[in-house]
Structures are given as C-alpha cells and as structure tokens.
Amino acid sequence: FALWMAATEPASKRARVEDVSEEHPSEKELAATYGVPFPTEVHVLWALLQAESPQHPGDALRELGLRLGGPFDFLQTPKRFDSREAWRLHWRFAFDCPEMHTVMVDRRDKAHERRWGYYFDSPTEEPVIVMTDQKHMYTDAGDSLIAAILAAAGKEHEGHAVVKKLKALAAQHGIPLTTGKLFAARKKKVIAPTFHGMGIVVPYDRTAELGYRPLSVTDKELRKMLDKIVKDKAAGKEPKYDELDEIITFANIANDEADYGHALQLGLDIFHHATLFEKDAKNLLSPTYALLQRAVFAETIAAHTGHRARPVAQVLGSP
C-alpha cells in the first residue's frame, strides 16, 4: 500500500511527514497529517492502550472483539507512510466519504461493514461518533469513542478489566459515556438529508435563502436514475447519462450562485450510491468543498477516487 501511494505522486509534490516525532506524535502533528482536529480523547485513550499492549496498542481491545486503527496507527508508527495522502487513505473504506475517518472495526466482521469513526462536517469543527452497517448508513454511536467502545463490547464484557479501565479513564478526564447528545445538537444544524443518513451542514442564510436550494429531483427519482445506469452498465449496455448530467449542471449553477449545499447534497448522494459514480462525485464535490473552505476534503476525495475498489486487506494495510 505504501508503495502504491509512492507510485501515484512525484516525491517533490507529496505532503511529507518527515518532521513528525517518531515516538510521540502530538495532537498538532496528528491534526496536520489528517487535516482535521481529532478530539483529545484519542490521545488519552491511546495512552491507556499503550499501557495495555505496548507493541500493538490497536489490538488492546482484541478480547472485546474490536480493533483500533487509522489515526491510532499513526500514533504508533508515524513513519510507516511517507505522505499525508497515504495516511488519509489508510483505513479509508470504499464508502467512507471525505467527512468520515474510520477508527475502529469489528474483528468478527471480515468485510468490516460494521465499523466506527469520527464524522467531521467541517475540518475546523468537532466531529460526532458514527457507526456504519452493511448498507453504508451512518448512525449515532455515542457521545465519545469510549462510549462507542463500551456499547460495542456489550454486556457480555461488562466485567472485563479493560472495560473497567475505560470507564475509569472516562471519569478521570470527563469524557461522556452517553449517547444521543452530540447527534441531537448536530441535527439542529442539518440543512438537508443525504443517502448515507447524516444530511449536510453548511452555512445558510434563512432570510436571504442563500447557501442551499433543494435538488431538482426527489430522492426516489435520483435513486431510480442512478440504479438504471448501474444496471445498464452491468448488463453491457451503454448507459444514458443525460438526466444525471442535467442535474449535475444544475448543481454547478447552484455553486455559481452560492447555494453550495445543493451540490454537496447531490455529490454525497452520488458518492454513496455506487463506486461507478466516483468520478462524477469527485468532479462535483471537489470545487464544492473548496467553495465551502473544506479543502482537505477535496484532497481526500481526489486521492480516494480510482482506489475505492481496493481489497479490504489493502485498506487496512499490514497488521
């Protein structure tokens, strides 16, 4: 995987991570590598995991049926990959949109359809904790990652030593073990729904009605349109993109008129529907993210496009 990443970019153009501390990357170094501010709980939790399993901290939750990775792998071996782009693709699954950063998987689910991560609406805002399922839908997983771990571990592991330590750690640092509060607060800011269940959060002036306009088709009509293209492609027929091209044109016009939420909603729906539309999604989302001042998401989808069909083993990298 590291070699694949090196082959895709000239060394002079890659954002390198050579200046990162080998032993103890700081919160600032982690944020610089991923382009988003992970909560302090990541470092607090990491310290506990290192104490539990010094050689493989990500495996400290093995007996709970869970494994931590992604940014946690960076904290363990920051020089493993030599570019920020490679780290942002590490543990990035096919249907992980740029806002999503997977940090935990279910060891019992070999396809890793059931996994957990931080979802950032903006690279400058605090994330929420989400869980995905086999339909790639995001749902509330808790008001902290530790809360998500405890919920995933279930009652069968309630008396486990690691579970007790996690609860003590949360109490010591004031980390909430509740569920629903972060999602409830975010729900008030959601402007429109999306196929993956999270909806979109964008600046919106309700008085001037500026920042978002509804799509020109209903969700049902859009799904039917995309399904037809997928089925035609699978059957060896030449798909007709006229309708899709038309609504993408409308989305670009919306961007020109500062209704960025329109293009964000459509782009995420196209991204989520099927990997067949990854280039359409990238071409629409990249300028939209730039207009919303979410450039790191544009960088992520550009790197992800063309590689969403990677086998799970490549996504996870070496254990």
Protein backbone atom coordinates (compact mmCIF):
# COMPACT_ATOMS: atom_id res chain seq x y z
CA PHE A 1 0.00 0.00 0.00
CA ALA A 2 2.82 2.43 0.84
CA LEU A 3 4.49 1.54 -2.44
CA TRP A 4 1.24 2.09 -4.33
CA MET A 5 0.93 5.56 -2.80
CA ALA A 6 4.51 6.45 -3.63
CA ALA A 7 3.91 5.46 -7.23
CA THR A 8 0.94 7.77 -7.65
CA GLU A 9 2.69 11.06 -6.81
CA PRO A 10 6.09 12.58 -7.55
CA ALA A 11 8.12 12.78 -4.33
CA SER A 12 8.51 16.53 -4.73
CA LYS A 13 4.74 17.04 -4.69
CA ARG A 14 3.80 14.79 -1.79
CA ALA A 15 2.98 16.40 1.56
CA ARG A 16 5.57 14.61 3.64
CA VAL A 17 5.54 13.61 7.30
CA GLU A 18 9.30 13.55 7.87
CA ASP A 19 9.20 16.14 10.65
CA VAL A 20 6.80 14.13 12.80
CA SER A 21 8.15 12.86 16.10
CA GLU A 22 8.78 9.12 15.79
CA GLU A 23 7.86 8.20 19.37
CA HIS A 24 5.12 10.56 20.50
CA PRO A 25 3.28 12.48 17.77
CA SER A 26 1.46 15.45 19.27
CA GLU A 27 -2.16 16.48 18.76
CA LYS A 28 -0.87 19.16 16.40
CA GLU A 29 1.09 16.62 14.34
CA LEU A 30 -1.91 14.29 14.13
CA ALA A 31 -4.15 17.16 13.02
CA ALA A 32 -1.61 18.33 10.43
CA THR A 33 -1.35 14.85 8.94
CA TYR A 34 -5.09 14.25 8.64
CA GLY A 35 -6.21 17.84 8.18
CA VAL A 36 -8.85 17.59 10.93
CA PRO A 37 -8.71 18.13 14.72
CA PHE A 38 -9.27 14.77 16.38
CA PRO A 39 -10.65 15.09 19.93
CA THR A 40 -8.26 14.97 22.88
CA GLU A 41 -9.82 11.64 23.88
CA VAL A 42 -7.84 9.99 21.08
CA HIS A 43 -4.56 10.73 22.88
CA VAL A 44 -5.98 9.93 26.32
CA LEU A 45 -7.27 6.59 25.07
CA TRP A 46 -4.03 5.91 23.24
CA ALA A 47 -2.02 6.23 26.46
CA LEU A 48 -4.18 3.54 28.07
CA LEU A 49 -3.91 1.24 25.07
CA GLN A 50 -0.13 1.58 25.04
CA ALA A 51 -0.01 0.54 28.68
CA GLU A 52 -2.20 -2.46 27.92
CA SER A 53 -0.38 -3.59 24.77
CA PRO A 54 2.91 -1.71 24.22
CA GLN A 55 3.84 -3.48 20.98
CA HIS A 56 0.38 -3.41 19.38
CA PRO A 57 -1.84 -0.85 21.13
CA GLY A 58 -4.50 -1.11 18.44
CA ASP A 59 -5.00 -4.74 19.48
CA ALA A 60 -5.56 -3.94 23.16
CA LEU A 61 -9.31 -4.38 22.60
CA ARG A 62 -8.91 -7.80 20.97
CA GLU A 63 -10.79 -9.63 23.73
CA LEU A 64 -13.72 -7.25 23.20
CA GLY A 65 -13.83 -8.24 19.53
CA LEU A 66 -12.61 -4.83 18.38
CA ARG A 67 -9.55 -3.28 16.76
CA LEU A 68 -8.49 0.37 16.64
CA GLY A 69 -6.59 1.78 13.67
CA GLY A 70 -6.42 4.68 11.25
CA PRO A 71 -5.11 7.66 13.27
CA PHE A 72 -4.21 5.26 16.09
CA ASP A 73 -1.80 3.52 13.70
CA PHE A 74 -0.24 6.93 13.02
CA LEU A 75 0.32 7.46 16.74
CA GLN A 76 2.06 4.08 16.91
CA THR A 77 4.23 4.26 13.75
CA PRO A 78 4.11 7.77 12.22
CA LYS A 79 6.89 6.99 9.71
CA ARG A 80 5.06 3.97 8.28
CA PHE A 81 3.91 6.03 5.27
CA ASP A 82 5.84 8.99 3.92
CA SER A 83 2.95 11.19 2.85
CA ARG A 84 -0.15 12.71 4.39
CA GLU A 85 -2.19 11.44 1.45
CA ALA A 86 -1.21 7.84 2.24
CA TRP A 87 -2.26 8.24 5.86
CA ARG A 88 -5.59 9.74 4.82
CA LEU A 89 -6.26 6.68 2.65
CA HIS A 90 -5.13 4.20 5.31
CA TRP A 91 -8.31 2.65 6.77
CA ARG A 92 -10.45 4.61 4.28
CA PHE A 93 -13.08 2.17 3.04
CA ALA A 94 -14.91 2.33 -0.29
CA PHE A 95 -17.95 4.16 1.06
CA ASP A 96 -16.15 6.38 3.56
CA CYS A 97 -16.94 9.87 2.31
CA PRO A 98 -14.28 12.55 2.95
CA GLU A 99 -16.02 13.61 6.17
CA MET A 100 -15.63 10.11 7.64
CA HIS A 101 -12.50 8.78 9.38
CA THR A 102 -12.79 5.11 10.37
CA VAL A 103 -11.01 4.42 13.66
CA MET A 104 -12.42 1.06 14.82
CA VAL A 105 -13.58 -2.19 13.23
CA ASP A 106 -15.37 -5.30 14.41
CA ARG A 107 -12.90 -8.19 14.29
CA ARG A 108 -15.72 -10.68 13.78
CA ASP A 109 -16.91 -8.92 10.61
CA LYS A 110 -14.35 -9.89 7.97
CA ALA A 111 -15.80 -7.47 5.43
CA HIS A 112 -15.61 -4.70 8.05
CA GLU A 113 -19.03 -3.38 7.11
CA ARG A 114 -19.65 -2.74 10.80
CA ARG A 115 -17.18 -0.09 11.86
CA TRP A 116 -16.92 3.17 13.76
CA GLY A 117 -15.41 6.55 13.06
CA TYR A 118 -15.35 10.30 13.51
CA TYR A 119 -17.55 12.30 11.15
CA PHE A 120 -16.45 15.90 10.53
CA ASP A 121 -18.87 18.30 8.83
CA SER A 122 -16.01 20.77 8.57
CA PRO A 123 -12.24 20.39 9.05
CA THR A 124 -12.41 23.08 11.75
CA GLU A 125 -15.27 21.68 13.85
CA GLU A 126 -15.61 18.94 16.46
CA PRO A 127 -16.80 15.61 15.00
CA VAL A 128 -19.53 13.20 16.02
CA ILE A 129 -19.07 9.46 16.51
CA VAL A 130 -20.81 7.26 13.96
CA MET A 131 -21.23 3.57 13.17
CA THR A 132 -21.81 2.11 9.70
CA ASP A 133 -23.69 -1.01 8.61
CA GLN A 134 -23.85 -3.23 5.53
CA LYS A 135 -25.84 -0.55 3.71
CA HIS A 136 -23.16 2.03 4.48
CA MET A 137 -25.57 4.10 6.55
CA TYR A 138 -24.18 6.24 9.37
CA THR A 139 -25.89 6.16 12.77
CA ASP A 140 -25.18 7.58 16.22
CA ALA A 141 -22.57 5.51 18.08
CA GLY A 142 -22.19 7.58 21.25
CA ASP A 143 -21.02 10.93 22.57
CA SER A 144 -17.40 9.75 22.68
CA LEU A 145 -15.29 6.99 21.20
CA ILE A 146 -15.04 5.34 24.62
CA ALA A 147 -18.84 5.32 24.80
CA ALA A 148 -18.90 3.63 21.37
CA ILE A 149 -16.35 1.03 22.52
CA LEU A 150 -18.35 0.17 25.63
CA ALA A 151 -21.58 -0.09 23.64
CA ALA A 152 -19.91 -2.31 21.03
CA ALA A 153 -18.37 -4.53 23.72
CA GLY A 154 -21.83 -5.17 25.17
CA LYS A 155 -22.96 -6.60 28.48
CA GLU A 156 -21.02 -9.82 27.92
CA HIS A 157 -17.77 -7.93 28.57
CA GLU A 158 -19.06 -5.66 31.32
CA GLY A 159 -16.76 -7.17 33.93
CA HIS A 160 -13.66 -7.24 31.70
CA ALA A 161 -10.60 -5.49 33.13
CA VAL A 162 -10.18 -3.26 30.05
CA VAL A 163 -13.83 -2.19 30.25
CA LYS A 164 -13.35 -1.16 33.86
CA LYS A 165 -10.23 0.81 32.95
CA LEU A 166 -12.05 2.55 30.09
CA LYS A 167 -14.83 3.63 32.44
CA ALA A 168 -12.29 4.90 34.97
CA LEU A 169 -10.43 6.77 32.22
CA ALA A 170 -13.63 8.44 31.08
CA ALA A 171 -14.47 9.51 34.62
CA GLN A 172 -10.96 10.85 35.19
CA HIS A 173 -10.99 13.03 32.07
CA GLY A 174 -14.66 13.98 31.98
CA ILE A 175 -15.32 12.01 28.79
CA PRO A 176 -19.08 11.40 28.35
CA LEU A 177 -20.40 7.86 28.15
CA THR A 178 -23.82 8.96 26.97
CA THR A 179 -25.44 8.57 23.57
CA GLY A 180 -27.52 11.00 21.56
CA LYS A 181 -26.46 14.41 22.84
CA LEU A 182 -23.93 15.20 20.10
CA PHE A 183 -26.29 13.94 17.39
CA ALA A 184 -29.19 15.94 18.79
CA ALA A 185 -27.09 19.12 18.74
CA ARG A 186 -25.94 18.41 15.20
CA LYS A 187 -29.45 17.62 13.98
CA LYS A 188 -30.45 21.22 14.62
CA LYS A 189 -27.82 22.33 12.08
CA VAL A 190 -28.67 19.83 9.31
CA ILE A 191 -30.00 21.62 6.23
CA ALA A 192 -30.98 18.66 4.03
CA PRO A 193 -30.93 14.82 4.10
CA THR A 194 -28.48 12.55 2.29
CA PHE A 195 -28.49 8.90 1.25
CA HIS A 196 -25.95 7.95 3.94
CA GLY A 197 -28.17 9.25 6.73
CA MET A 198 -26.11 12.16 8.03
CA GLY A 199 -27.53 15.02 6.00
CA ILE A 200 -25.47 18.14 5.27
CA VAL A 201 -24.37 21.03 7.46
CA VAL A 202 -23.50 24.21 5.58
CA PRO A 203 -23.74 27.96 6.26
CA TYR A 204 -27.28 29.02 5.38
CA ASP A 205 -28.88 32.45 5.49
CA ARG A 206 -32.57 31.72 6.04
CA THR A 207 -33.60 35.33 5.48
CA ALA A 208 -31.90 35.60 2.09
CA GLU A 209 -32.37 31.85 1.41
CA LEU A 210 -28.71 31.67 0.47
CA GLY A 211 -26.49 28.64 0.91
CA TYR A 212 -28.86 25.86 -0.13
CA ARG A 213 -31.61 25.09 -2.60
CA PRO A 214 -33.45 21.75 -2.97
CA LEU A 215 -32.39 19.27 -5.63
CA SER A 216 -34.33 19.31 -8.90
CA VAL A 217 -35.31 15.64 -8.33
CA THR A 218 -36.67 13.70 -5.36
CA ASP A 219 -34.57 11.10 -3.55
CA LYS A 220 -36.69 8.37 -5.14
CA GLU A 221 -36.19 9.80 -8.62
CA LEU A 222 -32.43 10.15 -8.10
CA ARG A 223 -32.06 6.58 -6.83
CA LYS A 224 -34.07 5.28 -9.81
CA MET A 225 -31.90 7.28 -12.22
CA LEU A 226 -28.66 6.01 -10.71
CA ASP A 227 -29.94 2.43 -10.45
CA LYS A 228 -30.78 2.44 -14.16
CA ILE A 229 -27.24 3.50 -15.07
CA VAL A 230 -25.73 0.83 -12.80
CA LYS A 231 -27.96 -1.91 -14.21
CA ASP A 232 -27.30 -0.92 -17.81
CA LYS A 233 -23.57 -0.89 -17.17
CA ALA A 234 -23.71 -4.34 -15.55
CA ALA A 235 -25.72 -5.68 -18.50
CA GLY A 236 -23.15 -4.44 -21.00
CA LYS A 237 -25.42 -1.71 -22.31
CA GLU A 238 -24.35 1.87 -22.93
CA PRO A 239 -25.84 3.85 -20.02
CA LYS A 240 -27.61 7.12 -20.71
CA TYR A 241 -26.20 9.92 -18.59
CA ASP A 242 -28.38 12.73 -19.97
CA GLU A 243 -30.59 13.09 -16.89
CA LEU A 244 -27.67 12.82 -14.48
CA ASP A 245 -25.63 15.33 -16.47
CA GLU A 246 -28.55 17.73 -16.35
CA ILE A 247 -28.90 17.68 -12.55
CA ILE A 248 -25.12 17.97 -12.17
CA THR A 249 -25.29 21.06 -14.39
CA PHE A 250 -27.99 22.47 -12.10
CA ALA A 251 -25.70 21.77 -9.13
CA ASN A 252 -22.82 23.65 -10.76
CA ILE A 253 -25.15 26.59 -11.38
CA ALA A 254 -26.14 26.45 -7.70
CA ASN A 255 -22.44 26.69 -6.79
CA ASP A 256 -22.09 29.73 -9.05
CA GLU A 257 -24.95 31.33 -7.14
CA ALA A 258 -23.52 30.47 -3.69
CA ASP A 259 -26.02 27.69 -2.87
CA TYR A 260 -23.18 25.28 -2.09
CA GLY A 261 -25.34 22.92 -0.05
CA HIS A 262 -27.18 21.83 -3.20
CA ALA A 263 -24.02 20.48 -4.84
CA LEU A 264 -22.77 18.99 -1.56
CA GLN A 265 -26.01 17.06 -1.09
CA LEU A 266 -26.03 15.75 -4.67
CA GLY A 267 -22.31 14.93 -4.66
CA LEU A 268 -22.53 12.91 -1.44
CA ASP A 269 -25.61 11.05 -2.71
CA ILE A 270 -23.83 10.13 -5.93
CA PHE A 271 -20.71 9.08 -3.99
CA HIS A 272 -22.76 6.91 -1.66
CA HIS A 273 -24.92 5.22 -4.30
CA ALA A 274 -22.22 3.26 -6.15
CA THR A 275 -18.48 3.40 -6.85
CA LEU A 276 -19.39 3.60 -10.55
CA PHE A 277 -20.08 7.31 -9.99
CA GLU A 278 -16.85 8.12 -8.15
CA LYS A 279 -15.52 10.45 -10.85
CA ASP A 280 -18.84 12.28 -11.11
CA ALA A 281 -18.84 12.66 -7.34
CA LYS A 282 -15.24 13.91 -7.28
CA ASN A 283 -15.80 16.40 -10.09
CA LEU A 284 -18.79 17.85 -8.28
CA LEU A 285 -17.56 17.68 -4.69
CA SER A 286 -14.01 18.95 -5.21
CA PRO A 287 -14.98 22.53 -6.22
CA THR A 288 -17.85 22.47 -3.71
CA TYR A 289 -15.51 21.65 -0.84
CA ALA A 290 -13.20 24.43 -2.00
CA LEU A 291 -16.07 26.93 -2.02
CA LEU A 292 -17.07 25.80 1.48
CA GLN A 293 -13.45 26.21 2.64
CA ARG A 294 -13.14 22.48 3.25
CA ALA A 295 -10.13 21.96 1.01
CA VAL A 296 -8.83 18.91 2.88
CA PHE A 297 -12.00 17.02 1.89
CA ALA A 298 -11.33 17.88 -1.76
CA GLU A 299 -7.81 16.49 -1.37
CA THR A 300 -9.17 13.32 0.22
CA ILE A 301 -11.74 12.55 -2.46
CA ALA A 302 -9.18 13.22 -5.19
CA ALA A 303 -6.82 10.67 -3.62
CA HIS A 304 -9.61 8.18 -2.92
CA THR A 305 -11.06 8.26 -6.45
CA GLY A 306 -9.78 5.36 -8.53
CA HIS A 307 -8.94 3.29 -5.47
CA ARG A 308 -12.32 2.71 -3.82
CA ALA A 309 -12.41 -0.87 -5.10
CA ARG A 310 -9.25 -1.84 -3.22
CA PRO A 311 -9.47 -5.13 -1.29
CA VAL A 312 -10.10 -4.73 2.45
CA ALA A 313 -6.57 -6.05 3.13
CA GLN A 314 -5.09 -3.09 1.26
CA VAL A 315 -7.37 -0.63 3.02
CA LEU A 316 -6.27 -1.91 6.41
CA GLY A 317 -2.65 -2.28 5.44
CA SER A 318 -0.35 -4.61 7.36
CA PRO A 319 -1.49 -5.55 10.87
